[in-house]
């Protein structure tokens, strides 16, 4: 079976009351004992609550990677 990719979902409030989900993938280049992530997809339009942005980010991840998850 193929290996899972290291994908993270975060929500950022870029303007007050405007939340955006961001999907990021870990790189293999550690920086000072940290694992850096690079953005791979993000919301274009804002959500008006953290919870709605989070749910939309999960839905985007499911659309991108399907039921088996993000595999190499």
C-alpha atoms as a PDB file:
ATOM      1  CA  UNK A   1       0.000   0.000   0.000  1.00  0.00           C
ATOM      2  CA  UNK A   2       1.227   3.496  -0.760  1.00  0.00           C
ATOM      3  CA  UNK A   3       2.442   5.828   1.960  1.00  0.00           C
ATOM      4  CA  UNK A   4       0.274   8.631   3.379  1.00  0.00           C
ATOM      5  CA  UNK A   5       1.296  12.199   2.614  1.00  0.00           C
ATOM      6  CA  UNK A   6       1.710  14.542   5.589  1.00  0.00           C
ATOM      7  CA  UNK A   7      -1.112  17.060   5.047  1.00  0.00           C
ATOM      8  CA  UNK A   8      -2.156  19.709   7.580  1.00  0.00           C
ATOM      9  CA  UNK A   9      -5.289  21.863   7.669  1.00  0.00           C
ATOM     10  CA  UNK A  10      -5.288  25.233   9.353  1.00  0.00           C
ATOM     11  CA  UNK A  11      -7.676  28.175   9.558  1.00  0.00           C
ATOM     12  CA  UNK A  12      -6.456  31.749   9.587  1.00  0.00           C
ATOM     13  CA  UNK A  13      -8.350  34.951  10.286  1.00  0.00           C
ATOM     14  CA  UNK A  14      -6.805  37.293   7.709  1.00  0.00           C
ATOM     15  CA  UNK A  15      -9.204  40.166   8.420  1.00  0.00           C
ATOM     16  CA  UNK A  16     -11.417  40.475  11.469  1.00  0.00           C
ATOM     17  CA  UNK A  17     -14.325  38.053  11.042  1.00  0.00           C
ATOM     18  CA  UNK A  18     -12.978  36.567   7.768  1.00  0.00           C
ATOM     19  CA  UNK A  19     -11.641  33.022   8.067  1.00  0.00           C
ATOM     20  CA  UNK A  20      -9.799  31.044   5.393  1.00  0.00           C
ATOM     21  CA  UNK A  21      -8.839  27.375   5.400  1.00  0.00           C
ATOM     22  CA  UNK A  22      -5.399  26.383   4.108  1.00  0.00           C
ATOM     23  CA  UNK A  23      -4.140  22.895   3.236  1.00  0.00           C
ATOM     24  CA  UNK A  24      -0.401  22.440   3.586  1.00  0.00           C
ATOM     25  CA  UNK A  25       2.005  19.587   2.931  1.00  0.00           C
ATOM     26  CA  UNK A  26       5.112  18.830   4.952  1.00  0.00           C
ATOM     27  CA  UNK A  27       8.430  19.112   3.177  1.00  0.00           C
ATOM     28  CA  UNK A  28      11.372  16.891   3.898  1.00  0.00           C
ATOM     29  CA  UNK A  29      13.631  19.829   4.735  1.00  0.00           C
ATOM     30  CA  UNK A  30      13.613  20.308   8.510  1.00  0.00           C
ATOM     31  CA  UNK A  31      14.468  23.789   9.710  1.00  0.00           C
ATOM     32  CA  UNK A  32      15.938  23.952  13.218  1.00  0.00           C
ATOM     33  CA  UNK A  33      14.149  20.778  14.344  1.00  0.00           C
ATOM     34  CA  UNK A  34      10.838  21.902  12.848  1.00  0.00           C
ATOM     35  CA  UNK A  35       9.002  20.335   9.939  1.00  0.00           C
ATOM     36  CA  UNK A  36       8.110  23.103   7.473  1.00  0.00           C
ATOM     37  CA  UNK A  37       4.859  23.001   5.527  1.00  0.00           C
ATOM     38  CA  UNK A  38       4.119  24.504   2.130  1.00  0.00           C
ATOM     39  CA  UNK A  39       0.607  25.596   1.079  1.00  0.00           C
ATOM     40  CA  UNK A  40      -1.019  23.376  -1.564  1.00  0.00           C
ATOM     41  CA  UNK A  41      -4.598  24.734  -1.607  1.00  0.00           C
ATOM     42  CA  UNK A  42      -6.519  27.516   0.119  1.00  0.00           C
ATOM     43  CA  UNK A  43      -9.958  29.082   0.292  1.00  0.00           C
ATOM     44  CA  UNK A  44     -10.496  31.902  -2.164  1.00  0.00           C
ATOM     45  CA  UNK A  45     -13.476  33.437  -0.393  1.00  0.00           C
ATOM     46  CA  UNK A  46     -13.762  34.019   3.357  1.00  0.00           C
ATOM     47  CA  UNK A  47     -16.014  32.175   5.802  1.00  0.00           C
ATOM     48  CA  UNK A  48     -17.626  34.125   8.586  1.00  0.00           C
ATOM     49  CA  UNK A  49     -16.807  31.665  11.356  1.00  0.00           C
ATOM     50  CA  UNK A  50     -13.808  29.550  12.257  1.00  0.00           C
ATOM     51  CA  UNK A  51     -16.007  26.431  12.395  1.00  0.00           C
ATOM     52  CA  UNK A  52     -17.395  26.955   8.886  1.00  0.00           C
ATOM     53  CA  UNK A  53     -13.915  27.475   7.463  1.00  0.00           C
ATOM     54  CA  UNK A  54     -12.664  24.333   9.210  1.00  0.00           C
ATOM     55  CA  UNK A  55     -15.540  22.207   7.878  1.00  0.00           C
ATOM     56  CA  UNK A  56     -15.003  23.612   4.373  1.00  0.00           C
ATOM     57  CA  UNK A  57     -11.291  22.772   4.622  1.00  0.00           C
ATOM     58  CA  UNK A  58     -12.091  19.167   5.543  1.00  0.00           C
ATOM     59  CA  UNK A  59     -14.505  18.989   2.595  1.00  0.00           C
ATOM     60  CA  UNK A  60     -11.794  20.335   0.275  1.00  0.00           C
ATOM     61  CA  UNK A  61      -9.373  17.709   1.558  1.00  0.00           C
ATOM     62  CA  UNK A  62     -11.931  14.960   0.897  1.00  0.00           C
ATOM     63  CA  UNK A  63     -12.513  16.251  -2.641  1.00  0.00           C
ATOM     64  CA  UNK A  64      -8.783  16.420  -3.339  1.00  0.00           C
ATOM     65  CA  UNK A  65      -7.769  13.068  -1.870  1.00  0.00           C
ATOM     66  CA  UNK A  66     -10.863  10.869  -1.804  1.00  0.00           C
ATOM     67  CA  UNK A  67     -11.835   8.278   0.778  1.00  0.00           C
ATOM     68  CA  UNK A  68      -8.370   6.687   0.919  1.00  0.00           C
ATOM     69  CA  UNK A  69      -6.736   9.928   2.016  1.00  0.00           C
ATOM     70  CA  UNK A  70      -3.660  11.660   0.636  1.00  0.00           C
ATOM     71  CA  UNK A  71      -1.374   8.898  -0.642  1.00  0.00           C
ATOM     72  CA  UNK A  72       1.834   9.046  -2.648  1.00  0.00           C
END
